[in-house]
Amino acid sequence: MFEAGGFGVAVTVSPRSSVSASLAELPPPPAGVTRRRTRLSEVLSPSGFTDAGLVGELAALADVRAQLAAYEAVVVAELARRRPVEWDLSEEQPGHGSEDWAPVRVPVGVSEFLADELALVAGISRTAATVLAERSLVLVRELPATWAALADSLIDPARANAIVRALGGQSVDVGGRVEPGIVAEVEAQALGWAVAGETPRRLQERTAALIALDEAAADRRRKQAERCADVTTRATADGMGELVAAMPVAVACRETVDAYARMAKAAGDGRPIGQLRAQVMADLILRPWDTSRESVTAHLHVQAPLPALRTRPTDGRAAPGGALSAPSGGRSAPGDGLSAPGDGRSAPCDDRDAATVAGAPITAGQLRELLVQLDAICPGGLQAPTGGSLAIDLTDPVTGALRATVTRPELERLARRGCHTHPDRDCGCAVLDRPPAVDRYTPTPAQFRFVRARDRTCRHPGCRRPAARTDLDHVCAHRDGGATDCTNLCCLCRRHHRLKTHAPRWRFTMTDNGVLTVTTPSGVTRTTRPPGLRLSHPPVLTGSGASPDPDDPPPF
């Protein structure tokens, strides 16, 4: 029981079985009504509290958050104990993890794929899941006094995390250089500061200074952090994106960019200083004036429902992408979604008709504007950029499913040639579809193009690695009878390809239209579907969760 605002709230914890049994005894809800849990605001309405009562409720919520954070730590630590490092492949086994390409932070003694399972269960990124696992293990295994203070609501999660960052990994018991007794003494002093209200940032600094960090240990952590340096991007709204660089010289780079931007501002450039910084950084990276370096071009995939590319221009000129029309008479091929309407008019565009480039949604007009910048629009219509390539991915305007992917010359050739069976007339026969299955392990180049165009990214839930940097994997293993067919192939990045192939008790299944379902060892299921796909009926699942056959080498 806790009291706040003059009210007392008692929380009773009961075994799940008794709660389930109680719910089973309740009468069924009326037809068309779904029963839900009672909301806290329906039990304790904030409108009935005085100001002091509201402040008391906020304090009670802070206490509960601290207790939940402590409980989360022990739950995660227990899950980590059940996912030992012995689950992973050894360095002598093919397919084991490698630090040479992309170092991964893994808590000592824990499977490298624990973070992937935590990410799916909690709905967070793998990086956030790694931080959660590390913090939980430090609290439970190394700093029991800090965990106890958090569980008793004496400190909040922010201050507990500050102590974790300062003392985690310092004890000899976990590979550090400081005696456990000294770590415990410093922890006690840090807890005193935390209870007294020291700010989290200052608490971390004072604790780190008090323990007199071992220089060798600090140097090892610094080198490990440098190995994990990286540059990533995040898509934001309104056609913008963030370029995030984690590196030792981040401050120096930002100061250099700022200095050049201020020079441009002083020279009379009227743009805002932030916009100038962004332009300076882009110029320093792309170096458009430097002709001595190898040229960089683009390999573009135009992904759009057919109505978006058939939009009739208002000035009477031929629209870019006009080669998507029917071979001769302009009549639509029945049911194949690959031909223009017979009267030449375009279907009305809605939000489903937005084309996409590099995974960011844009309209057909924005697509043409982008291609203008890449010298890709010419009197002949949409063309590949100089030195690059252009693929046109045709999707069903009703279901959104990918039907075929072709280059511009291939599409023009098909439009001119028409149907093999009826070359003398417009019969409406389909002349294009997805690549057929093959009786071999390695997918065909056409299958590579189709599946990557369909999936666009790694299909593991939460992963956004572009399809161009992924492997094509048999969802149902080839050794188990899985066909080398687009309905049984999906894009997985190298990490998640290894997870599917080698991590115990994970299960992957996929429907015939590309809906992928991933089940973790703990039984949690997450589903992804190809971008743009609109489901109308539940298709049949195919897949396998069996352990790999060492005689069937994966393509890595």
Protein backbone atom coordinates (compact mmCIF):
# COMPACT_ATOMS: atom_id res chain seq x y z
CA MET A 1 0.00 0.00 0.00
CA PHE A 2 1.25 3.51 -0.77
CA GLU A 3 -0.54 6.78 -0.08
CA ALA A 4 -0.62 9.87 -2.26
CA GLY A 5 -2.97 12.81 -2.41
CA GLY A 6 -5.05 11.44 0.45
CA PHE A 7 -5.75 8.15 -1.34
CA GLY A 8 -4.34 4.72 -0.52
CA VAL A 9 -3.66 2.22 -3.28
CA ALA A 10 -3.03 -1.43 -2.48
CA VAL A 11 -1.39 -3.69 -5.07
CA THR A 12 -1.84 -7.42 -4.68
CA VAL A 13 0.36 -9.78 -6.67
CA SER A 14 -1.28 -13.10 -7.53
CA PRO A 15 -0.04 -16.09 -9.53
CA ARG A 16 -0.87 -15.83 -13.19
CA SER A 17 -2.90 -19.03 -13.04
CA SER A 18 -5.31 -17.62 -10.45
CA VAL A 19 -5.72 -14.41 -12.42
CA SER A 20 -6.43 -16.38 -15.58
CA ALA A 21 -8.91 -18.54 -13.71
CA SER A 22 -10.66 -15.48 -12.36
CA LEU A 23 -10.94 -13.99 -15.81
CA ALA A 24 -12.32 -17.25 -17.14
CA GLU A 25 -15.14 -17.08 -14.57
CA LEU A 26 -16.27 -13.64 -15.75
CA PRO A 27 -19.36 -13.56 -17.95
CA PRO A 28 -18.64 -13.03 -21.64
CA PRO A 29 -18.90 -9.43 -22.86
CA PRO A 30 -21.87 -8.36 -25.00
CA ALA A 31 -21.67 -9.11 -28.72
CA GLY A 32 -19.33 -6.73 -30.52
CA VAL A 33 -17.75 -5.48 -27.28
CA THR A 34 -14.11 -6.19 -26.43
CA ARG A 35 -13.20 -6.37 -22.76
CA ARG A 36 -10.18 -4.30 -21.74
CA ARG A 37 -8.23 -3.64 -18.59
CA THR A 38 -9.36 -0.91 -16.24
CA ARG A 39 -7.26 2.18 -16.76
CA LEU A 40 -5.50 3.79 -13.81
CA SER A 41 -7.02 7.16 -14.64
CA GLU A 42 -10.45 5.53 -14.24
CA VAL A 43 -9.52 4.37 -10.72
CA LEU A 44 -7.68 7.53 -9.68
CA SER A 45 -8.87 10.51 -11.72
CA PRO A 46 -6.29 13.34 -11.59
CA SER A 47 -9.11 15.89 -11.70
CA GLY A 48 -10.01 14.94 -8.13
CA PHE A 49 -6.58 15.70 -6.66
CA THR A 50 -5.35 18.90 -5.06
CA ASP A 51 -2.03 20.35 -6.23
CA ALA A 52 -0.30 18.60 -3.35
CA GLY A 53 -2.05 15.40 -4.32
CA LEU A 54 -0.82 15.64 -7.91
CA VAL A 55 2.73 16.19 -6.69
CA GLY A 56 2.35 13.17 -4.45
CA GLU A 57 1.20 11.07 -7.40
CA LEU A 58 4.25 12.12 -9.41
CA ALA A 59 6.48 11.07 -6.50
CA ALA A 60 4.70 7.73 -6.28
CA LEU A 61 5.18 7.19 -10.02
CA ALA A 62 8.90 7.92 -9.64
CA ASP A 63 9.09 5.28 -6.90
CA VAL A 64 7.33 2.74 -9.10
CA ARG A 65 9.62 3.50 -12.04
CA ALA A 66 12.67 2.83 -9.88
CA GLN A 67 11.22 -0.47 -8.65
CA LEU A 68 10.31 -1.53 -12.19
CA ALA A 69 13.83 -0.67 -13.42
CA ALA A 70 15.33 -2.86 -10.71
CA TYR A 71 12.94 -5.69 -11.51
CA GLU A 72 13.71 -5.34 -15.23
CA ALA A 73 17.41 -5.73 -14.40
CA VAL A 74 16.93 -9.05 -12.63
CA VAL A 75 14.61 -10.33 -15.37
CA VAL A 76 17.14 -9.46 -18.08
CA ALA A 77 19.99 -10.93 -16.03
CA GLU A 78 18.09 -14.18 -15.67
CA LEU A 79 17.38 -14.30 -19.40
CA ALA A 80 21.09 -13.69 -20.02
CA ARG A 81 21.94 -16.58 -17.71
CA ARG A 82 19.75 -18.82 -19.86
CA ARG A 83 21.47 -17.64 -23.06
CA PRO A 84 25.09 -18.65 -22.34
CA VAL A 85 28.02 -18.08 -24.64
CA GLU A 86 28.08 -21.83 -25.24
CA TRP A 87 25.11 -21.29 -27.56
CA ASP A 88 27.42 -19.51 -30.01
CA LEU A 89 29.75 -21.07 -32.54
CA SER A 90 33.40 -21.34 -31.58
CA GLU A 91 36.12 -19.63 -33.60
CA GLU A 92 36.97 -22.99 -35.21
CA GLN A 93 33.46 -23.41 -36.65
CA PRO A 94 32.38 -21.87 -39.98
CA GLY A 95 29.99 -18.97 -39.60
CA HIS A 96 31.21 -17.78 -36.20
CA GLY A 97 31.13 -14.10 -35.31
CA SER A 98 34.05 -11.96 -36.46
CA GLU A 99 35.41 -8.76 -34.95
CA ASP A 100 37.24 -7.79 -38.14
CA TRP A 101 34.28 -6.32 -40.03
CA ALA A 102 31.85 -4.96 -37.41
CA PRO A 103 32.80 -5.39 -33.73
CA VAL A 104 29.79 -6.16 -31.54
CA ARG A 105 29.49 -5.36 -27.84
CA VAL A 106 28.60 -8.58 -26.05
CA PRO A 107 28.50 -9.00 -22.24
CA VAL A 108 31.02 -11.56 -21.01
CA GLY A 109 29.67 -15.10 -20.87
CA VAL A 110 26.49 -14.30 -22.80
CA SER A 111 25.38 -15.35 -26.29
CA GLU A 112 26.00 -12.74 -28.96
CA PHE A 113 22.35 -13.02 -30.02
CA LEU A 114 20.86 -12.13 -26.63
CA ALA A 115 20.56 -8.50 -27.74
CA ASP A 116 18.61 -9.54 -30.85
CA GLU A 117 16.10 -11.43 -28.72
CA LEU A 118 15.78 -8.55 -26.25
CA ALA A 119 15.26 -6.13 -29.13
CA LEU A 120 12.36 -8.15 -30.52
CA VAL A 121 10.76 -8.74 -27.11
CA ALA A 122 11.01 -5.12 -25.94
CA GLY A 123 10.49 -3.46 -29.32
CA ILE A 124 13.76 -1.52 -29.15
CA SER A 125 16.88 -1.32 -31.29
CA ARG A 126 19.67 -3.85 -30.94
CA THR A 127 21.96 -1.11 -29.64
CA ALA A 128 19.46 -0.18 -26.94
CA ALA A 129 19.02 -3.87 -26.11
CA THR A 130 22.80 -4.27 -25.74
CA VAL A 131 22.94 -1.30 -23.36
CA LEU A 132 20.02 -2.76 -21.37
CA ALA A 133 21.74 -6.13 -21.06
CA GLU A 134 25.07 -4.60 -20.00
CA ARG A 135 23.43 -2.31 -17.44
CA SER A 136 21.30 -5.11 -16.00
CA LEU A 137 24.24 -7.49 -15.61
CA VAL A 138 26.40 -4.84 -13.94
CA LEU A 139 23.64 -3.97 -11.46
CA VAL A 140 22.86 -7.57 -10.56
CA ARG A 141 26.35 -9.11 -10.66
CA GLU A 142 28.72 -6.27 -9.77
CA LEU A 143 26.84 -3.55 -7.86
CA PRO A 144 24.28 -5.24 -5.60
CA ALA A 145 24.06 -2.22 -3.27
CA THR A 146 23.15 0.06 -6.15
CA TRP A 147 20.55 -2.43 -7.34
CA ALA A 148 19.08 -2.62 -3.83
CA ALA A 149 18.89 1.18 -3.57
CA LEU A 150 17.10 1.28 -6.91
CA ALA A 151 14.71 -1.52 -5.92
CA ASP A 152 13.90 0.36 -2.67
CA SER A 153 13.31 3.61 -4.62
CA LEU A 154 16.13 5.37 -2.75
CA ILE A 155 17.64 6.43 -6.10
CA ASP A 156 16.18 6.82 -9.56
CA PRO A 157 17.23 4.96 -12.73
CA ALA A 158 19.27 7.92 -14.03
CA ARG A 159 21.53 7.98 -10.95
CA ALA A 160 21.79 4.20 -10.89
CA ASN A 161 22.93 4.31 -14.52
CA ALA A 162 25.55 6.95 -13.65
CA ILE A 163 27.06 4.66 -11.02
CA VAL A 164 26.95 1.74 -13.45
CA ARG A 165 28.86 3.70 -16.09
CA ALA A 166 31.52 4.74 -13.55
CA LEU A 167 32.04 1.38 -11.80
CA GLY A 168 30.95 -1.25 -14.31
CA GLY A 169 33.77 -3.64 -15.24
CA GLN A 170 36.18 -2.25 -12.64
CA SER A 171 36.24 -5.19 -10.23
CA VAL A 172 38.82 -7.93 -10.52
CA ASP A 173 35.95 -10.43 -10.33
CA VAL A 174 34.78 -9.34 -13.79
CA GLY A 175 38.14 -8.78 -15.46
CA GLY A 176 39.02 -5.31 -14.13
CA ARG A 177 42.02 -4.20 -12.09
CA VAL A 178 40.36 -2.89 -8.89
CA GLU A 179 39.88 -5.00 -5.79
CA PRO A 180 36.22 -5.80 -5.04
CA GLY A 181 36.49 -4.26 -1.57
CA ILE A 182 37.56 -0.91 -3.03
CA VAL A 183 34.75 -1.00 -5.58
CA ALA A 184 32.27 -1.63 -2.75
CA GLU A 185 33.63 1.32 -0.74
CA VAL A 186 33.40 3.67 -3.71
CA GLU A 187 29.90 2.37 -4.47
CA ALA A 188 28.79 3.18 -0.91
CA GLN A 189 30.17 6.73 -1.22
CA ALA A 190 28.49 7.18 -4.63
CA LEU A 191 25.17 6.00 -3.22
CA GLY A 192 25.46 8.63 -0.49
CA TRP A 193 25.89 11.33 -3.12
CA ALA A 194 23.04 9.92 -5.19
CA VAL A 195 20.60 9.84 -2.25
CA ALA A 196 21.62 13.41 -1.40
CA GLY A 197 20.50 14.51 -4.86
CA GLU A 198 23.72 14.88 -6.86
CA THR A 199 22.98 15.25 -10.58
CA PRO A 200 23.58 12.12 -12.67
CA ARG A 201 26.35 13.70 -14.77
CA ARG A 202 28.23 15.05 -11.79
CA LEU A 203 27.63 11.79 -9.88
CA GLN A 204 29.32 9.80 -12.64
CA GLU A 205 32.29 12.19 -12.76
CA ARG A 206 32.83 12.20 -8.98
CA THR A 207 32.53 8.42 -8.75
CA ALA A 208 34.97 7.84 -11.60
CA ALA A 209 37.48 10.24 -10.06
CA LEU A 210 37.16 8.66 -6.61
CA ILE A 211 37.96 5.14 -7.75
CA ALA A 212 41.19 6.32 -9.46
CA LEU A 213 40.47 4.41 -12.64
CA ASP A 214 43.17 2.03 -13.72
CA GLU A 215 44.88 3.55 -16.78
CA ALA A 216 45.30 0.22 -18.54
CA ALA A 217 41.60 -0.60 -18.09
CA ALA A 218 40.61 2.85 -19.33
CA ASP A 219 42.88 2.46 -22.34
CA ARG A 220 41.32 -0.91 -23.18
CA ARG A 221 37.83 0.57 -23.04
CA ARG A 222 38.90 3.50 -25.21
CA LYS A 223 40.36 1.20 -27.87
CA GLN A 224 37.23 -0.95 -27.83
CA ALA A 225 35.10 2.16 -28.26
CA GLU A 226 37.27 3.26 -31.20
CA ARG A 227 36.77 -0.15 -32.83
CA CYS A 228 33.02 0.37 -32.54
CA ALA A 229 33.18 3.80 -34.25
CA ASP A 230 30.72 4.08 -37.10
CA VAL A 231 28.70 6.42 -39.30
CA THR A 232 24.96 5.82 -39.53
CA THR A 233 21.92 7.56 -40.94
CA ARG A 234 18.39 8.08 -39.67
CA ALA A 235 15.47 9.13 -41.85
CA THR A 236 13.51 12.11 -40.56
CA ALA A 237 10.43 13.95 -41.76
CA ASP A 238 10.01 16.18 -44.84
CA GLY A 239 12.71 14.56 -46.95
CA MET A 240 15.46 15.15 -44.40
CA GLY A 241 17.83 12.73 -42.71
CA GLU A 242 20.42 12.64 -39.95
CA LEU A 243 24.04 11.63 -40.48
CA VAL A 244 25.37 10.34 -37.13
CA ALA A 245 29.09 9.83 -36.62
CA ALA A 246 30.42 8.15 -33.48
CA MET A 247 34.19 8.73 -33.52
CA PRO A 248 37.01 10.12 -31.39
CA VAL A 249 37.39 13.35 -33.40
CA ALA A 250 33.70 14.30 -33.51
CA VAL A 251 34.24 17.62 -31.73
CA ALA A 252 37.11 18.61 -34.03
CA CYS A 253 35.04 17.78 -37.11
CA ARG A 254 32.09 19.81 -35.87
CA GLU A 255 34.30 22.81 -35.03
CA THR A 256 35.86 22.67 -38.51
CA VAL A 257 32.44 22.56 -40.17
CA ASP A 258 31.26 25.45 -37.99
CA ALA A 259 34.33 27.55 -38.82
CA TYR A 260 33.84 27.17 -42.59
CA ALA A 261 30.12 27.94 -42.23
CA ARG A 262 30.87 31.13 -40.30
CA MET A 263 33.36 32.15 -42.99
CA ALA A 264 30.63 31.77 -45.62
CA LYS A 265 28.24 33.75 -43.44
CA ALA A 266 30.78 36.54 -43.03
CA ALA A 267 31.27 36.58 -46.81
CA GLY A 268 27.60 37.46 -47.27
CA ASP A 269 25.77 34.12 -47.59
CA GLY A 270 22.25 34.80 -46.33
CA ARG A 271 21.30 31.24 -45.44
CA PRO A 272 20.86 30.27 -41.78
CA ILE A 273 24.05 29.13 -40.05
CA GLY A 274 22.70 25.59 -39.52
CA GLN A 275 21.96 25.19 -43.21
CA LEU A 276 25.44 26.43 -44.02
CA ARG A 277 26.99 23.88 -41.65
CA ALA A 278 25.05 21.10 -43.38
CA GLN A 279 26.16 22.31 -46.82
CA VAL A 280 29.80 22.61 -45.74
CA MET A 281 29.80 19.07 -44.36
CA ALA A 282 28.21 17.71 -47.54
CA ASP A 283 30.80 19.50 -49.69
CA LEU A 284 33.71 18.27 -47.58
CA ILE A 285 32.50 14.68 -47.89
CA LEU A 286 31.27 14.63 -51.50
CA ARG A 287 33.95 17.02 -52.83
CA PRO A 288 32.11 17.86 -56.08
CA TRP A 289 35.10 19.90 -57.29
CA ASP A 290 37.57 17.01 -57.01
CA THR A 291 37.90 15.30 -60.40
CA SER A 292 41.00 13.29 -59.42
CA ARG A 293 39.05 10.72 -57.45
CA GLU A 294 37.07 7.83 -58.87
CA SER A 295 33.61 9.04 -59.86
CA VAL A 296 30.58 7.97 -57.85
CA THR A 297 27.26 7.23 -59.50
CA ALA A 298 23.86 5.90 -58.47
CA HIS A 299 22.08 2.58 -58.93
CA LEU A 300 18.42 3.43 -58.58
CA HIS A 301 15.29 1.35 -58.11
CA VAL A 302 12.05 3.12 -59.00
CA GLN A 303 9.40 1.41 -56.86
CA ALA A 304 5.86 2.58 -57.46
CA PRO A 305 2.36 1.29 -58.13
CA LEU A 306 1.68 1.68 -61.82
CA PRO A 307 -0.79 4.59 -61.49
CA ALA A 308 1.97 6.76 -60.01
CA LEU A 309 4.13 6.33 -63.12
CA ARG A 310 1.23 6.68 -65.55
CA THR A 311 0.14 10.10 -64.33
CA ARG A 312 -0.74 12.16 -67.41
CA PRO A 313 1.20 15.45 -67.61
CA THR A 314 -0.81 18.65 -67.98
CA ASP A 315 1.29 20.20 -70.74
CA GLY A 316 0.58 17.53 -73.31
CA ARG A 317 4.09 16.08 -73.37
CA ALA A 318 4.87 12.42 -72.92
CA ALA A 319 5.26 11.56 -69.24
CA PRO A 320 8.52 10.05 -68.04
CA GLY A 321 8.00 6.36 -67.66
CA GLY A 322 5.54 6.24 -70.52
CA ALA A 323 7.02 2.91 -71.63
CA LEU A 324 4.86 1.30 -68.94
CA SER A 325 1.85 1.40 -71.24
CA ALA A 326 0.45 -1.59 -73.12
CA PRO A 327 2.35 -2.90 -76.18
CA SER A 328 0.00 -1.65 -78.89
CA GLY A 329 -3.69 -0.94 -78.48
CA GLY A 330 -3.47 0.49 -74.99
CA ARG A 331 -5.86 -2.11 -73.59
CA SER A 332 -5.21 -3.48 -70.13
CA ALA A 333 -4.09 -7.06 -69.77
CA PRO A 334 -6.71 -8.75 -67.61
CA GLY A 335 -5.58 -9.16 -64.04
CA ASP A 336 -1.84 -8.71 -64.53
CA GLY A 337 -1.65 -5.08 -63.44
CA LEU A 338 1.18 -4.41 -65.89
CA SER A 339 -0.62 -2.44 -68.60
CA ALA A 340 -2.07 1.04 -68.85
CA PRO A 341 -5.85 1.67 -68.81
CA GLY A 342 -7.41 1.48 -72.24
CA ASP A 343 -8.61 5.10 -72.41
CA GLY A 344 -5.16 6.53 -71.62
CA ARG A 345 -6.31 8.18 -68.40
CA SER A 346 -4.45 7.64 -65.15
CA ALA A 347 -6.01 6.21 -62.04
CA PRO A 348 -6.40 8.76 -59.25
CA CYS A 349 -3.33 8.92 -57.02
CA ASP A 350 -3.59 8.42 -53.29
CA ASP A 351 -1.06 7.85 -50.54
CA ARG A 352 -0.49 4.30 -51.77
CA ASP A 353 0.85 5.67 -55.06
CA ALA A 354 3.91 7.27 -53.49
CA ALA A 355 7.10 6.08 -55.16
CA THR A 356 10.14 5.24 -53.06
CA VAL A 357 13.86 5.74 -53.54
CA ALA A 358 16.30 4.31 -50.96
CA GLY A 359 13.36 3.48 -48.70
CA ALA A 360 12.19 7.09 -48.13
CA PRO A 361 8.61 7.76 -49.33
CA ILE A 362 8.29 10.48 -51.99
CA THR A 363 5.69 11.41 -54.57
CA ALA A 364 6.08 10.81 -58.29
CA GLY A 365 6.87 14.51 -58.79
CA GLN A 366 9.58 14.36 -56.14
CA LEU A 367 11.00 11.29 -57.84
CA ARG A 368 11.35 13.14 -61.12
CA GLU A 369 12.95 16.10 -59.35
CA LEU A 370 15.52 13.75 -57.80
CA LEU A 371 16.27 12.15 -61.13
CA VAL A 372 16.77 15.57 -62.71
CA GLN A 373 19.56 16.18 -60.21
CA LEU A 374 21.19 12.93 -61.29
CA ASP A 375 20.97 13.75 -65.00
CA ALA A 376 18.55 10.87 -65.40
CA ILE A 377 15.63 12.60 -67.15
CA CYS A 378 16.02 13.17 -70.86
CA PRO A 379 13.67 13.43 -73.84
CA GLY A 380 13.52 9.63 -73.95
CA GLY A 381 12.04 9.42 -70.45
CA LEU A 382 13.45 7.91 -67.28
CA GLN A 383 17.01 6.79 -67.92
CA ALA A 384 19.84 5.42 -65.83
CA PRO A 385 22.30 7.98 -64.40
CA THR A 386 25.65 8.18 -66.13
CA GLY A 387 27.67 5.15 -65.11
CA GLY A 388 24.79 3.81 -62.99
CA SER A 389 21.67 1.74 -63.46
CA LEU A 390 17.91 2.17 -63.26
CA ALA A 391 15.50 -0.64 -62.44
CA ILE A 392 11.73 -0.24 -62.65
CA ASP A 393 9.83 -2.37 -60.16
CA LEU A 394 6.24 -3.03 -61.18
CA THR A 395 3.76 -3.53 -58.36
CA ASP A 396 0.15 -4.64 -58.41
CA PRO A 397 -2.01 -1.52 -58.02
CA VAL A 398 -4.53 -3.43 -55.88
CA THR A 399 -2.44 -5.60 -53.54
CA GLY A 400 0.84 -3.67 -53.67
CA ALA A 401 2.71 -6.93 -54.31
CA LEU A 402 5.78 -6.77 -56.53
CA ARG A 403 5.04 -8.38 -59.88
CA ALA A 404 8.30 -7.89 -61.76
CA THR A 405 11.46 -5.83 -61.88
CA VAL A 406 13.06 -4.84 -65.19
CA THR A 407 15.48 -2.33 -66.63
CA ARG A 408 14.27 0.42 -68.92
CA PRO A 409 15.66 -1.25 -72.09
CA GLU A 410 14.08 -4.58 -71.10
CA LEU A 411 10.73 -2.91 -70.55
CA GLU A 412 10.87 -1.09 -73.89
CA ARG A 413 11.87 -4.32 -75.62
CA LEU A 414 8.92 -6.16 -74.08
CA ALA A 415 6.58 -3.34 -75.02
CA ARG A 416 7.74 -3.45 -78.65
CA ARG A 417 7.78 -7.24 -78.91
CA GLY A 418 4.44 -7.95 -77.28
CA CYS A 419 3.12 -11.50 -76.95
CA HIS A 420 5.05 -14.41 -78.54
CA THR A 421 1.87 -16.38 -79.11
CA HIS A 422 -0.09 -13.56 -80.72
CA PRO A 423 2.50 -11.24 -82.29
CA ASP A 424 -0.01 -9.83 -84.79
CA ARG A 425 -2.50 -8.43 -82.30
CA ASP A 426 -2.93 -7.06 -78.81
CA CYS A 427 -4.18 -10.15 -77.04
CA GLY A 428 -3.83 -8.93 -73.45
CA CYS A 429 -1.57 -11.84 -72.50
CA ALA A 430 0.87 -11.31 -69.67
CA VAL A 431 4.42 -10.80 -70.92
CA LEU A 432 6.19 -10.29 -67.59
CA ASP A 433 6.14 -11.90 -64.15
CA ARG A 434 8.48 -12.79 -61.30
CA PRO A 435 11.44 -15.10 -62.02
CA PRO A 436 10.69 -18.83 -62.01
CA ALA A 437 12.09 -21.32 -59.49
CA VAL A 438 15.34 -23.12 -60.30
CA ASP A 439 16.56 -26.57 -59.34
CA ARG A 440 19.81 -25.53 -57.63
CA TYR A 441 21.08 -23.92 -54.41
CA THR A 442 22.31 -20.56 -55.73
CA PRO A 443 19.59 -18.08 -56.79
CA THR A 444 19.66 -16.66 -60.31
CA PRO A 445 20.59 -13.02 -60.97
CA ALA A 446 16.93 -12.36 -61.79
CA GLN A 447 15.90 -13.77 -58.42
CA PHE A 448 18.48 -11.60 -56.68
CA ARG A 449 17.03 -8.51 -58.38
CA PHE A 450 13.43 -9.44 -57.66
CA VAL A 451 13.81 -10.37 -53.98
CA ARG A 452 15.96 -7.34 -53.20
CA ALA A 453 13.43 -5.10 -54.93
CA ARG A 454 10.59 -6.73 -52.99
CA ASP A 455 12.24 -6.64 -49.56
CA ARG A 456 14.29 -3.39 -49.90
CA THR A 457 15.97 -4.02 -46.51
CA CYS A 458 16.96 -6.91 -44.27
CA ARG A 459 13.68 -8.56 -43.35
CA HIS A 460 14.56 -9.32 -39.72
CA PRO A 461 12.17 -7.27 -37.55
CA GLY A 462 13.69 -3.89 -36.73
CA CYS A 463 16.66 -4.16 -39.10
CA ARG A 464 16.94 -1.49 -41.80
CA ARG A 465 20.13 -2.55 -43.59
CA PRO A 466 19.61 -1.91 -47.33
CA ALA A 467 18.91 -4.99 -49.42
CA ALA A 468 21.97 -4.31 -51.58
CA ARG A 469 24.13 -5.23 -48.57
CA THR A 470 22.29 -8.39 -47.56
CA ASP A 471 22.38 -12.10 -48.37
CA LEU A 472 19.57 -14.01 -50.06
CA ASP A 473 18.61 -16.81 -47.71
CA HIS A 474 16.35 -19.83 -48.12
CA VAL A 475 13.66 -19.45 -45.43
CA CYS A 476 13.02 -23.19 -45.57
CA ALA A 477 16.54 -24.57 -45.86
CA HIS A 478 17.55 -26.00 -49.22
CA ARG A 479 18.77 -29.17 -47.51
CA ASP A 480 15.26 -29.63 -46.07
CA GLY A 481 13.60 -29.42 -49.47
CA GLY A 482 13.19 -25.65 -49.61
CA ALA A 483 12.89 -24.42 -53.17
CA THR A 484 15.16 -21.83 -54.72
CA ASP A 485 12.15 -19.71 -55.50
CA CYS A 486 11.24 -16.11 -54.76
CA THR A 487 8.47 -17.36 -52.46
CA ASN A 488 11.15 -19.05 -50.29
CA LEU A 489 13.92 -16.42 -50.48
CA CYS A 490 14.30 -13.32 -48.36
CA CYS A 491 16.95 -10.69 -47.68
CA LEU A 492 18.85 -11.02 -44.41
CA CYS A 493 21.90 -9.03 -43.39
CA ARG A 494 24.95 -11.07 -42.52
CA ARG A 495 24.29 -10.91 -38.77
CA HIS A 496 20.67 -12.01 -39.01
CA HIS A 497 21.58 -14.60 -41.64
CA ARG A 498 23.99 -16.07 -39.09
CA LEU A 499 21.34 -15.84 -36.39
CA LYS A 500 18.80 -17.75 -38.47
CA THR A 501 21.32 -20.40 -39.53
CA HIS A 502 23.24 -20.97 -36.30
CA ALA A 503 21.40 -19.55 -33.25
CA PRO A 504 19.51 -22.30 -31.38
CA ARG A 505 15.72 -22.31 -31.09
CA TRP A 506 15.01 -19.41 -33.44
CA ARG A 507 12.33 -20.09 -36.07
CA PHE A 508 11.70 -18.30 -39.38
CA THR A 509 8.65 -18.85 -41.60
CA MET A 510 7.43 -16.96 -44.66
CA THR A 511 4.20 -16.87 -46.63
CA ASP A 512 3.97 -17.14 -50.38
CA ASN A 513 3.65 -13.36 -50.71
CA GLY A 514 6.71 -12.56 -48.58
CA VAL A 515 5.29 -12.04 -45.07
CA LEU A 516 8.09 -13.14 -42.72
CA THR A 517 7.43 -14.36 -39.16
CA VAL A 518 10.30 -14.66 -36.67
CA THR A 519 9.93 -16.52 -33.37
CA THR A 520 12.51 -16.10 -30.61
CA PRO A 521 13.73 -18.90 -28.30
CA SER A 522 11.37 -17.51 -25.64
CA GLY A 523 8.39 -17.87 -27.98
CA VAL A 524 7.85 -14.20 -28.87
CA THR A 525 6.72 -13.75 -32.48
CA ARG A 526 7.25 -10.71 -34.69
CA THR A 527 6.18 -10.29 -38.31
CA THR A 528 7.41 -8.13 -41.18
CA ARG A 529 5.98 -7.81 -44.67
CA PRO A 530 7.35 -6.39 -47.91
CA PRO A 531 6.92 -2.60 -48.07
CA GLY A 532 3.68 -1.63 -49.79
CA LEU A 533 2.05 -5.06 -49.52
CA ARG A 534 -1.62 -4.94 -48.54
CA LEU A 535 -2.86 -8.25 -47.14
CA SER A 536 -6.30 -9.49 -48.18
CA HIS A 537 -6.12 -13.12 -47.02
CA PRO A 538 -3.79 -15.23 -44.84
CA PRO A 539 -1.42 -17.16 -47.15
CA VAL A 540 0.24 -20.48 -46.41
CA LEU A 541 3.39 -20.53 -44.26
CA THR A 542 6.62 -22.15 -45.36
CA GLY A 543 9.76 -22.28 -43.27
CA SER A 544 12.01 -24.17 -40.95
CA GLY A 545 13.56 -23.81 -37.53
CA ALA A 546 15.79 -26.86 -37.77
CA SER A 547 19.47 -26.77 -36.95
CA PRO A 548 21.84 -26.29 -39.90
CA ASP A 549 23.44 -29.12 -41.83
CA PRO A 550 27.22 -28.60 -41.91
CA ASP A 551 27.31 -30.24 -45.34
CA ASP A 552 25.16 -27.43 -46.79
CA PRO A 553 27.48 -24.39 -46.77
CA PRO A 554 25.67 -21.06 -46.48
CA PRO A 555 26.64 -18.30 -48.92
CA PHE A 556 29.09 -16.53 -46.64
